[in-house]
């Protein structure tokens, strides 16, 4: 669920897993017609399915030896963090990203904009706005990402091929899929 086990490439035994769900209000979870009454999300049951693997006979003995010796194996995971701020109505602004204390190093930063969609069931929060963005970059430890500006973007004139290409490349690299299979069709 949510892709947090995408980097698990080993069978784990005796691992404690913890799932914490933090929810926002109902108004950010529901999109409804403005003629309909306000709605509410109620969770009554949550099931968490984890793959159960039975090793082949030739793998059982070495596996049981590792379990018995209590060998320590590194297990990677992806930490997903979402930060949001109201952006000032100026031409240029700087956003100081928070860094949580963890051994996980940032691999991706995804930036998306929404206008007047927070706390309102009549606006679709799954749609993002271009907000006439002309350029953006991240400075991380004195290194700039991307190194070359996103010049020439104009969403109203359908000029956003580099932004689209980067979004498609992210999906291909993140999920390790072939480019033809992972096309996002944004």
N, C-alpha and C. Protein backbone atom coordinates (compact mmCIF):
# COMPACT_ATOMS: atom_id res chain seq x y z
N UNK A 1 0.84 -1.19 0.00
CA UNK A 1 0.00 0.00 0.00
C UNK A 1 0.88 1.24 0.00
N UNK A 2 0.56 2.19 -0.82
CA UNK A 2 1.28 3.45 -0.93
C UNK A 2 2.72 3.27 -1.40
N UNK A 3 3.12 2.09 -1.81
CA UNK A 3 4.45 1.87 -2.36
C UNK A 3 5.59 1.89 -1.37
N UNK A 4 5.32 1.83 -0.06
CA UNK A 4 6.42 1.92 0.88
C UNK A 4 7.28 0.66 0.90
N UNK A 5 6.79 -0.44 0.38
CA UNK A 5 7.59 -1.68 0.34
C UNK A 5 8.22 -1.88 -1.03
N UNK A 6 8.20 -0.89 -1.89
CA UNK A 6 8.73 -1.06 -3.24
C UNK A 6 10.20 -1.47 -3.27
N UNK A 7 10.96 -1.11 -2.26
CA UNK A 7 12.38 -1.44 -2.24
C UNK A 7 12.70 -2.74 -1.51
N UNK A 8 11.70 -3.42 -0.97
CA UNK A 8 11.94 -4.70 -0.30
C UNK A 8 12.27 -5.73 -1.38
N UNK A 9 13.45 -6.28 -1.34
CA UNK A 9 13.81 -7.32 -2.30
C UNK A 9 14.21 -8.61 -1.60
N UNK A 10 13.92 -8.70 -0.29
CA UNK A 10 14.23 -9.89 0.49
C UNK A 10 12.98 -10.30 1.28
N UNK A 11 12.94 -11.56 1.63
CA UNK A 11 11.88 -12.04 2.50
C UNK A 11 12.23 -11.59 3.91
N UNK A 12 11.28 -11.00 4.62
CA UNK A 12 11.54 -10.55 5.99
C UNK A 12 10.79 -11.46 6.95
N UNK A 13 11.42 -11.69 8.08
CA UNK A 13 10.84 -12.57 9.09
C UNK A 13 10.98 -11.90 10.44
N UNK A 14 9.92 -11.87 11.21
CA UNK A 14 9.97 -11.29 12.55
C UNK A 14 10.07 -9.78 12.54
N UNK A 15 9.65 -9.15 11.47
CA UNK A 15 9.71 -7.69 11.34
C UNK A 15 8.43 -7.09 11.87
N UNK A 16 8.52 -6.03 12.64
CA UNK A 16 7.32 -5.34 13.10
C UNK A 16 7.04 -4.22 12.11
N UNK A 17 5.85 -4.21 11.56
CA UNK A 17 5.44 -3.16 10.64
C UNK A 17 4.39 -2.30 11.33
N UNK A 18 4.46 -1.01 11.08
CA UNK A 18 3.51 -0.09 11.68
C UNK A 18 2.99 0.83 10.59
N UNK A 19 1.70 0.94 10.48
CA UNK A 19 1.07 1.81 9.51
C UNK A 19 0.35 2.91 10.27
N UNK A 20 0.72 4.15 10.02
CA UNK A 20 0.08 5.28 10.66
C UNK A 20 -0.65 6.09 9.60
N UNK A 21 -1.91 6.29 9.77
CA UNK A 21 -2.71 7.08 8.84
C UNK A 21 -3.04 8.42 9.50
N UNK A 22 -2.70 9.48 8.84
CA UNK A 22 -3.02 10.82 9.32
C UNK A 22 -3.95 11.43 8.28
N UNK A 23 -5.15 11.75 8.69
CA UNK A 23 -6.10 12.24 7.70
C UNK A 23 -6.38 13.72 7.87
N UNK A 24 -6.65 14.35 6.75
CA UNK A 24 -7.11 15.73 6.76
C UNK A 24 -8.62 15.69 6.91
N UNK A 25 -9.22 16.82 6.86
CA UNK A 25 -10.67 16.89 7.00
C UNK A 25 -11.41 16.31 5.80
N UNK A 26 -12.70 16.07 5.98
CA UNK A 26 -13.54 15.52 4.93
C UNK A 26 -13.57 16.41 3.68
N UNK A 27 -13.47 17.70 3.87
CA UNK A 27 -13.57 18.62 2.74
C UNK A 27 -12.42 18.47 1.75
N UNK A 28 -11.28 17.94 2.19
CA UNK A 28 -10.16 17.72 1.28
C UNK A 28 -10.16 16.30 0.70
N UNK A 29 -11.08 15.45 1.13
CA UNK A 29 -11.11 14.07 0.67
C UNK A 29 -12.26 13.81 -0.30
N UNK A 30 -13.17 14.74 -0.45
CA UNK A 30 -14.38 14.51 -1.23
C UNK A 30 -14.52 15.59 -2.31
N UNK A 31 -14.92 15.16 -3.50
CA UNK A 31 -15.26 16.08 -4.57
C UNK A 31 -16.71 15.80 -4.94
N UNK A 32 -17.56 16.80 -4.82
CA UNK A 32 -18.98 16.60 -5.08
C UNK A 32 -19.51 17.73 -5.95
N UNK A 33 -20.65 17.48 -6.54
CA UNK A 33 -21.36 18.48 -7.31
C UNK A 33 -21.85 19.56 -6.35
N UNK A 34 -21.84 20.81 -6.78
CA UNK A 34 -22.24 21.90 -5.88
C UNK A 34 -23.71 21.84 -5.50
N UNK A 35 -24.52 21.05 -6.22
CA UNK A 35 -25.93 20.92 -5.87
C UNK A 35 -26.16 19.83 -4.80
N UNK A 36 -25.16 19.01 -4.55
CA UNK A 36 -25.29 17.93 -3.57
C UNK A 36 -24.94 18.44 -2.17
N UNK A 37 -25.46 17.74 -1.18
CA UNK A 37 -25.15 18.09 0.21
C UNK A 37 -23.71 17.71 0.54
N UNK A 38 -23.14 18.36 1.55
CA UNK A 38 -21.79 18.03 2.01
C UNK A 38 -21.76 16.59 2.51
N UNK A 39 -20.66 15.91 2.29
CA UNK A 39 -20.52 14.51 2.66
C UNK A 39 -19.42 14.32 3.69
N UNK A 40 -19.31 13.10 4.21
CA UNK A 40 -18.35 12.78 5.25
C UNK A 40 -17.74 11.42 4.95
N UNK A 41 -16.44 11.24 5.22
CA UNK A 41 -15.76 9.96 5.04
C UNK A 41 -15.73 9.25 6.39
N UNK A 42 -16.22 7.99 6.39
CA UNK A 42 -16.21 7.19 7.61
C UNK A 42 -15.50 5.88 7.30
N UNK A 43 -14.40 5.61 7.98
CA UNK A 43 -13.69 4.34 7.83
C UNK A 43 -14.17 3.40 8.92
N UNK A 44 -14.72 2.26 8.51
CA UNK A 44 -15.21 1.30 9.50
C UNK A 44 -14.31 0.08 9.60
N UNK A 45 -13.53 -0.17 8.57
CA UNK A 45 -12.64 -1.33 8.58
C UNK A 45 -11.45 -1.06 7.68
N UNK A 46 -10.30 -1.50 8.11
CA UNK A 46 -9.09 -1.35 7.32
C UNK A 46 -8.37 -2.69 7.32
N UNK A 47 -8.06 -3.20 6.15
CA UNK A 47 -7.33 -4.47 6.03
C UNK A 47 -5.99 -4.18 5.39
N UNK A 48 -4.95 -4.82 5.91
CA UNK A 48 -3.61 -4.63 5.39
C UNK A 48 -3.11 -5.99 4.94
N UNK A 49 -2.95 -6.15 3.64
CA UNK A 49 -2.51 -7.42 3.08
C UNK A 49 -1.02 -7.35 2.79
N UNK A 50 -0.28 -8.31 3.28
CA UNK A 50 1.15 -8.41 3.03
C UNK A 50 1.39 -9.78 2.40
N UNK A 51 2.24 -9.81 1.37
CA UNK A 51 2.50 -11.07 0.68
C UNK A 51 3.07 -12.11 1.64
N UNK A 52 2.62 -13.33 1.51
CA UNK A 52 3.09 -14.44 2.32
C UNK A 52 3.83 -15.38 1.38
N UNK A 53 5.09 -15.62 1.66
CA UNK A 53 5.93 -16.39 0.75
C UNK A 53 6.37 -17.68 1.42
N UNK A 54 6.22 -18.78 0.70
CA UNK A 54 6.73 -20.07 1.16
C UNK A 54 7.97 -20.39 0.32
N UNK A 55 9.13 -20.56 0.97
CA UNK A 55 10.36 -20.82 0.19
C UNK A 55 10.34 -22.21 -0.44
N UNK A 56 11.03 -22.33 -1.56
CA UNK A 56 11.20 -23.63 -2.21
C UNK A 56 12.05 -24.51 -1.31
N UNK A 57 11.96 -25.81 -1.48
CA UNK A 57 12.67 -26.75 -0.61
C UNK A 57 14.18 -26.50 -0.57
N UNK A 58 14.78 -26.21 -1.73
CA UNK A 58 16.23 -25.98 -1.76
C UNK A 58 16.64 -24.69 -1.06
N UNK A 59 15.69 -23.78 -0.82
CA UNK A 59 16.00 -22.52 -0.15
C UNK A 59 15.68 -22.55 1.34
N UNK A 60 14.93 -23.53 1.79
CA UNK A 60 14.51 -23.57 3.19
C UNK A 60 15.67 -23.69 4.16
N UNK A 61 16.59 -24.62 3.92
CA UNK A 61 17.69 -24.83 4.86
C UNK A 61 18.57 -23.59 5.02
N UNK A 62 19.07 -22.98 3.92
CA UNK A 62 19.87 -21.76 4.10
C UNK A 62 19.08 -20.63 4.78
N UNK A 63 17.79 -20.53 4.45
CA UNK A 63 16.96 -19.50 5.06
C UNK A 63 16.79 -19.74 6.55
N UNK A 64 16.50 -20.97 6.94
CA UNK A 64 16.34 -21.27 8.36
C UNK A 64 17.64 -21.07 9.14
N UNK A 65 18.78 -21.33 8.49
CA UNK A 65 20.08 -21.09 9.15
C UNK A 65 20.27 -19.60 9.43
N UNK A 66 19.89 -18.75 8.47
CA UNK A 66 20.01 -17.30 8.68
C UNK A 66 19.07 -16.84 9.79
N UNK A 67 17.86 -17.37 9.80
CA UNK A 67 16.90 -17.00 10.85
C UNK A 67 17.41 -17.43 12.21
N UNK A 68 17.93 -18.65 12.29
CA UNK A 68 18.42 -19.18 13.57
C UNK A 68 19.63 -18.39 14.08
N UNK A 69 20.49 -17.95 13.14
CA UNK A 69 21.68 -17.19 13.56
C UNK A 69 21.34 -15.73 13.88
N UNK A 70 20.10 -15.34 13.62
CA UNK A 70 19.64 -13.96 13.84
C UNK A 70 20.51 -12.96 13.10
N UNK A 71 20.82 -13.31 11.85
CA UNK A 71 21.63 -12.43 11.00
C UNK A 71 20.87 -11.14 10.74
N UNK A 72 21.60 -10.06 10.74
CA UNK A 72 21.01 -8.75 10.49
C UNK A 72 21.10 -8.45 9.00
N UNK A 73 19.98 -8.12 8.38
CA UNK A 73 19.94 -7.80 6.96
C UNK A 73 19.42 -6.38 6.78
N UNK A 74 20.05 -5.59 5.93
CA UNK A 74 19.53 -4.24 5.68
C UNK A 74 18.22 -4.31 4.88
N UNK A 75 17.26 -3.51 5.27
CA UNK A 75 15.98 -3.46 4.57
C UNK A 75 15.72 -2.01 4.21
N UNK A 76 15.69 -1.73 2.91
CA UNK A 76 15.44 -0.37 2.45
C UNK A 76 13.96 -0.06 2.45
N UNK A 77 13.65 1.19 2.56
CA UNK A 77 12.26 1.63 2.46
C UNK A 77 12.24 3.03 1.89
N UNK A 78 11.10 3.41 1.40
CA UNK A 78 10.93 4.77 0.88
C UNK A 78 10.07 5.54 1.86
N UNK A 79 10.60 6.64 2.29
CA UNK A 79 9.85 7.52 3.19
C UNK A 79 9.20 8.58 2.33
N UNK A 80 7.91 8.73 2.47
CA UNK A 80 7.18 9.71 1.68
C UNK A 80 6.71 10.81 2.61
N UNK A 81 6.99 12.03 2.23
CA UNK A 81 6.65 13.18 3.07
C UNK A 81 5.96 14.21 2.19
N UNK A 82 4.92 14.82 2.71
CA UNK A 82 4.20 15.85 1.97
C UNK A 82 4.21 17.14 2.79
N UNK A 83 4.78 18.16 2.22
CA UNK A 83 4.77 19.49 2.84
C UNK A 83 3.95 20.41 1.94
N UNK A 84 3.15 21.27 2.52
CA UNK A 84 2.40 22.23 1.72
C UNK A 84 2.41 23.58 2.42
N UNK A 85 2.44 24.62 1.61
CA UNK A 85 2.41 25.98 2.14
C UNK A 85 1.55 26.84 1.22
N UNK A 86 0.95 27.88 1.76
CA UNK A 86 0.30 28.85 0.87
C UNK A 86 1.39 29.69 0.22
N UNK A 87 1.31 29.85 -1.08
CA UNK A 87 2.34 30.62 -1.78
C UNK A 87 1.94 32.09 -1.82
N UNK A 88 2.91 32.96 -1.61
CA UNK A 88 2.61 34.40 -1.67
C UNK A 88 2.35 34.82 -3.12
N UNK A 89 1.58 35.87 -3.29
CA UNK A 89 1.24 36.37 -4.63
C UNK A 89 2.33 37.32 -5.13
N UNK A 90 3.52 36.77 -5.32
CA UNK A 90 4.66 37.54 -5.83
C UNK A 90 5.26 36.77 -7.01
N UNK A 91 6.14 37.42 -7.74
CA UNK A 91 6.74 36.78 -8.92
C UNK A 91 7.73 35.69 -8.53
N UNK A 92 8.50 35.90 -7.48
CA UNK A 92 9.51 34.93 -7.06
C UNK A 92 9.39 34.72 -5.55
N UNK A 93 9.50 33.48 -5.12
CA UNK A 93 9.51 33.21 -3.68
C UNK A 93 10.37 31.99 -3.41
N UNK A 94 10.83 31.89 -2.17
CA UNK A 94 11.66 30.78 -1.74
C UNK A 94 10.90 29.98 -0.70
N UNK A 95 10.96 28.67 -0.83
CA UNK A 95 10.28 27.77 0.10
C UNK A 95 11.35 26.93 0.77
N UNK A 96 11.45 27.06 2.08
CA UNK A 96 12.41 26.29 2.86
C UNK A 96 11.79 24.94 3.18
N UNK A 97 12.28 23.88 2.55
CA UNK A 97 11.75 22.54 2.79
C UNK A 97 12.24 22.03 4.13
N UNK A 98 11.37 21.34 4.84
CA UNK A 98 11.77 20.78 6.12
C UNK A 98 12.44 19.43 5.89
N UNK A 99 13.45 19.15 6.67
CA UNK A 99 14.14 17.85 6.58
C UNK A 99 13.96 17.13 7.90
N UNK A 100 13.28 16.02 7.87
CA UNK A 100 13.09 15.23 9.07
C UNK A 100 14.37 14.46 9.35
N UNK A 101 14.66 14.20 10.61
CA UNK A 101 15.88 13.46 10.94
C UNK A 101 15.67 11.98 10.63
N UNK A 102 16.38 11.51 9.65
CA UNK A 102 16.27 10.12 9.22
C UNK A 102 17.49 9.75 8.40
N UNK A 103 17.73 8.50 8.25
CA UNK A 103 18.85 8.06 7.43
C UNK A 103 18.49 8.05 5.96
N UNK A 104 17.22 8.17 5.65
CA UNK A 104 16.75 8.21 4.26
C UNK A 104 17.16 9.52 3.62
N UNK A 105 17.78 9.45 2.44
CA UNK A 105 18.19 10.64 1.70
C UNK A 105 17.14 10.98 0.66
N UNK A 106 16.85 12.27 0.46
CA UNK A 106 15.86 12.64 -0.56
C UNK A 106 16.31 12.19 -1.95
N UNK A 107 15.39 11.57 -2.68
CA UNK A 107 15.69 11.16 -4.05
C UNK A 107 14.86 11.94 -5.05
N UNK A 108 13.68 12.37 -4.64
CA UNK A 108 12.78 13.08 -5.54
C UNK A 108 12.08 14.20 -4.78
N UNK A 109 11.86 15.28 -5.45
CA UNK A 109 11.03 16.37 -4.94
C UNK A 109 10.01 16.66 -6.03
N UNK A 110 8.75 16.51 -5.70
CA UNK A 110 7.68 16.73 -6.66
C UNK A 110 6.95 18.01 -6.23
N UNK A 111 6.81 18.93 -7.17
CA UNK A 111 6.16 20.21 -6.87
C UNK A 111 4.85 20.27 -7.66
N UNK A 112 3.79 20.64 -6.97
CA UNK A 112 2.49 20.77 -7.62
C UNK A 112 1.76 21.95 -7.00
N UNK A 113 0.93 22.61 -7.79
CA UNK A 113 0.20 23.78 -7.33
C UNK A 113 -1.30 23.56 -7.42
N UNK A 114 -2.02 24.10 -6.44
CA UNK A 114 -3.48 24.11 -6.45
C UNK A 114 -3.95 25.50 -6.04
N UNK A 115 -5.04 25.93 -6.65
CA UNK A 115 -5.60 27.23 -6.34
C UNK A 115 -7.00 27.06 -5.77
N UNK A 116 -7.20 27.52 -4.55
CA UNK A 116 -8.51 27.55 -3.88
C UNK A 116 -9.21 26.19 -3.86
N UNK A 117 -8.47 25.12 -3.56
CA UNK A 117 -9.10 23.80 -3.51
C UNK A 117 -9.08 23.21 -2.11
N UNK A 118 -8.36 23.79 -1.20
CA UNK A 118 -8.26 23.25 0.14
C UNK A 118 -9.53 23.54 0.93
N UNK A 119 -10.08 22.50 1.56
CA UNK A 119 -11.24 22.68 2.43
C UNK A 119 -12.55 22.93 1.71
N UNK A 120 -12.65 22.54 0.42
CA UNK A 120 -13.87 22.79 -0.32
C UNK A 120 -14.23 21.56 -1.14
N UNK A 121 -15.34 20.91 -0.83
CA UNK A 121 -15.76 19.70 -1.54
C UNK A 121 -16.21 19.98 -2.97
N UNK A 122 -16.43 21.23 -3.31
CA UNK A 122 -16.91 21.56 -4.65
C UNK A 122 -15.78 21.77 -5.65
N UNK A 123 -14.54 21.69 -5.20
CA UNK A 123 -13.39 21.79 -6.10
C UNK A 123 -12.62 20.46 -6.06
N UNK A 124 -12.20 19.99 -7.21
CA UNK A 124 -11.55 18.69 -7.32
C UNK A 124 -10.08 18.78 -6.90
N UNK A 125 -9.71 18.20 -5.74
CA UNK A 125 -8.33 18.30 -5.27
C UNK A 125 -7.34 17.42 -6.04
N UNK A 126 -7.83 16.56 -6.95
CA UNK A 126 -6.91 15.73 -7.73
C UNK A 126 -6.42 16.45 -8.97
N UNK A 127 -6.95 17.63 -9.25
CA UNK A 127 -6.49 18.43 -10.38
C UNK A 127 -5.55 19.52 -9.88
N UNK A 128 -4.47 19.72 -10.61
CA UNK A 128 -3.48 20.72 -10.22
C UNK A 128 -3.47 21.84 -11.24
N UNK A 129 -2.99 23.02 -10.83
CA UNK A 129 -3.02 24.22 -11.65
C UNK A 129 -1.60 24.61 -12.06
N UNK A 130 -1.48 25.22 -13.23
CA UNK A 130 -0.15 25.63 -13.69
C UNK A 130 0.29 26.96 -13.07
N UNK A 131 -0.62 27.79 -12.66
CA UNK A 131 -0.34 29.06 -11.97
C UNK A 131 0.67 29.92 -12.73
N UNK A 132 0.72 29.80 -14.04
CA UNK A 132 1.63 30.57 -14.89
C UNK A 132 3.09 30.43 -14.46
N UNK A 133 3.46 29.25 -14.04
CA UNK A 133 4.83 28.98 -13.61
C UNK A 133 5.77 29.10 -14.81
N UNK A 134 6.85 29.85 -14.64
CA UNK A 134 7.82 29.99 -15.72
C UNK A 134 9.11 29.25 -15.45
N UNK A 135 9.48 29.06 -14.17
CA UNK A 135 10.70 28.34 -13.85
C UNK A 135 10.65 27.92 -12.38
N UNK A 136 11.37 26.84 -12.07
CA UNK A 136 11.52 26.42 -10.68
C UNK A 136 12.79 25.59 -10.59
N UNK A 137 13.39 25.58 -9.38
CA UNK A 137 14.55 24.74 -9.15
C UNK A 137 14.72 24.54 -7.66
N UNK A 138 15.52 23.54 -7.31
CA UNK A 138 15.80 23.22 -5.92
C UNK A 138 17.29 23.38 -5.70
N UNK A 139 17.66 24.05 -4.62
CA UNK A 139 19.07 24.14 -4.20
C UNK A 139 19.23 23.18 -3.03
N UNK A 140 20.05 22.15 -3.22
CA UNK A 140 20.26 21.15 -2.19
C UNK A 140 21.76 21.00 -1.98
N UNK A 141 22.22 21.40 -0.79
CA UNK A 141 23.65 21.35 -0.47
C UNK A 141 24.49 22.05 -1.54
N UNK A 142 24.09 23.25 -1.90
CA UNK A 142 24.77 24.10 -2.89
C UNK A 142 24.76 23.52 -4.30
N UNK A 143 23.91 22.56 -4.56
CA UNK A 143 23.79 22.02 -5.91
C UNK A 143 22.38 22.29 -6.41
N UNK A 144 22.27 22.68 -7.65
CA UNK A 144 20.99 23.07 -8.22
C UNK A 144 20.39 21.92 -9.04
N UNK A 145 19.07 21.70 -8.83
CA UNK A 145 18.32 20.69 -9.59
C UNK A 145 17.08 21.35 -10.16
N UNK A 146 16.78 21.27 -11.43
CA UNK A 146 17.66 20.85 -12.50
C UNK A 146 18.71 21.91 -12.76
N UNK A 147 19.76 21.50 -13.41
CA UNK A 147 20.87 22.43 -13.67
C UNK A 147 20.51 23.46 -14.73
N UNK A 148 19.58 23.13 -15.61
CA UNK A 148 19.18 24.03 -16.70
C UNK A 148 17.75 24.51 -16.42
N UNK A 149 17.51 25.82 -16.62
CA UNK A 149 16.19 26.41 -16.36
C UNK A 149 15.09 25.77 -17.21
N UNK A 150 13.88 25.83 -16.68
CA UNK A 150 12.68 25.43 -17.41
C UNK A 150 12.15 26.63 -18.19
N UNK A 151 12.95 27.18 -19.07
CA UNK A 151 12.51 28.35 -19.85
C UNK A 151 11.56 27.93 -20.96
N UNK A 152 10.70 28.84 -21.33
CA UNK A 152 9.81 28.61 -22.46
C UNK A 152 8.52 27.89 -22.12
N UNK A 153 8.26 27.60 -20.86
CA UNK A 153 7.00 26.96 -20.51
C UNK A 153 5.87 27.96 -20.65
N UNK A 154 4.79 27.52 -21.26
CA UNK A 154 3.59 28.32 -21.35
C UNK A 154 2.42 27.36 -21.45
N UNK A 155 1.75 27.14 -20.35
CA UNK A 155 0.70 26.13 -20.30
C UNK A 155 -0.51 26.52 -21.15
N UNK A 156 -0.83 27.81 -21.22
CA UNK A 156 -1.99 28.21 -22.02
C UNK A 156 -1.74 28.02 -23.51
N UNK A 157 -0.47 28.02 -23.93
CA UNK A 157 -0.12 27.79 -25.33
C UNK A 157 0.36 26.36 -25.58
N UNK A 158 0.16 25.47 -24.58
CA UNK A 158 0.53 24.05 -24.70
C UNK A 158 2.04 23.85 -24.89
N UNK A 159 2.86 24.70 -24.27
CA UNK A 159 4.32 24.56 -24.36
C UNK A 159 4.85 24.09 -23.01
N UNK A 160 4.85 22.78 -22.82
CA UNK A 160 5.32 22.22 -21.55
C UNK A 160 5.94 20.85 -21.76
N UNK A 161 6.55 20.64 -22.92
CA UNK A 161 7.07 19.30 -23.25
C UNK A 161 8.18 18.85 -22.30
N UNK A 162 9.04 19.76 -21.86
CA UNK A 162 10.12 19.34 -20.96
C UNK A 162 9.56 18.96 -19.59
N UNK A 163 8.59 19.72 -19.09
CA UNK A 163 7.97 19.39 -17.81
C UNK A 163 7.28 18.03 -17.91
N UNK A 164 6.56 17.81 -19.00
CA UNK A 164 5.89 16.52 -19.21
C UNK A 164 6.93 15.40 -19.30
N UNK A 165 8.00 15.64 -20.05
CA UNK A 165 9.05 14.62 -20.20
C UNK A 165 9.68 14.26 -18.87
N UNK A 166 9.91 15.25 -18.02
CA UNK A 166 10.49 14.97 -16.69
C UNK A 166 9.51 14.19 -15.82
N UNK A 167 8.22 14.50 -15.91
CA UNK A 167 7.22 13.74 -15.14
C UNK A 167 7.18 12.29 -15.62
N UNK A 168 7.25 12.07 -16.92
CA UNK A 168 7.25 10.71 -17.45
C UNK A 168 8.52 9.97 -17.04
N UNK A 169 9.66 10.66 -17.08
CA UNK A 169 10.93 10.03 -16.68
C UNK A 169 10.92 9.67 -15.20
N UNK A 170 10.32 10.51 -14.36
CA UNK A 170 10.22 10.20 -12.94
C UNK A 170 9.47 8.90 -12.74
N UNK A 171 8.35 8.75 -13.38
CA UNK A 171 7.53 7.54 -13.21
C UNK A 171 8.31 6.30 -13.67
N UNK A 172 9.03 6.42 -14.78
CA UNK A 172 9.82 5.30 -15.29
C UNK A 172 10.91 4.90 -14.30
N UNK A 173 11.63 5.89 -13.77
CA UNK A 173 12.74 5.61 -12.84
C UNK A 173 12.24 5.16 -11.47
N UNK A 174 11.19 5.79 -10.97
CA UNK A 174 10.70 5.49 -9.63
C UNK A 174 10.18 4.06 -9.54
N UNK A 175 9.40 3.65 -10.54
CA UNK A 175 8.81 2.31 -10.52
C UNK A 175 9.61 1.28 -11.30
N UNK A 176 10.74 1.70 -11.88
CA UNK A 176 11.61 0.80 -12.66
C UNK A 176 10.83 0.07 -13.74
N UNK A 177 10.07 0.83 -14.50
CA UNK A 177 9.25 0.27 -15.57
C UNK A 177 9.79 0.70 -16.93
N UNK A 178 9.46 -0.05 -17.95
CA UNK A 178 9.80 0.35 -19.31
C UNK A 178 9.03 1.63 -19.65
N UNK A 179 9.63 2.47 -20.45
CA UNK A 179 9.02 3.76 -20.78
C UNK A 179 7.66 3.61 -21.46
N UNK A 180 7.52 2.65 -22.35
CA UNK A 180 6.23 2.45 -23.04
C UNK A 180 5.13 2.02 -22.08
N UNK A 181 5.48 1.29 -21.04
CA UNK A 181 4.50 0.79 -20.07
C UNK A 181 4.12 1.88 -19.08
N UNK A 182 5.07 2.74 -18.73
CA UNK A 182 4.85 3.69 -17.63
C UNK A 182 4.40 5.06 -18.09
N UNK A 183 4.03 5.24 -19.33
CA UNK A 183 3.61 6.55 -19.82
C UNK A 183 2.48 7.10 -18.95
N UNK A 184 2.67 8.29 -18.33
CA UNK A 184 1.66 8.81 -17.41
C UNK A 184 0.41 9.37 -18.06
N UNK A 185 0.46 9.69 -19.34
CA UNK A 185 -0.71 10.27 -20.03
C UNK A 185 -1.28 11.46 -19.29
N UNK A 186 -0.41 12.35 -18.90
CA UNK A 186 -0.84 13.56 -18.18
C UNK A 186 -1.54 14.48 -19.15
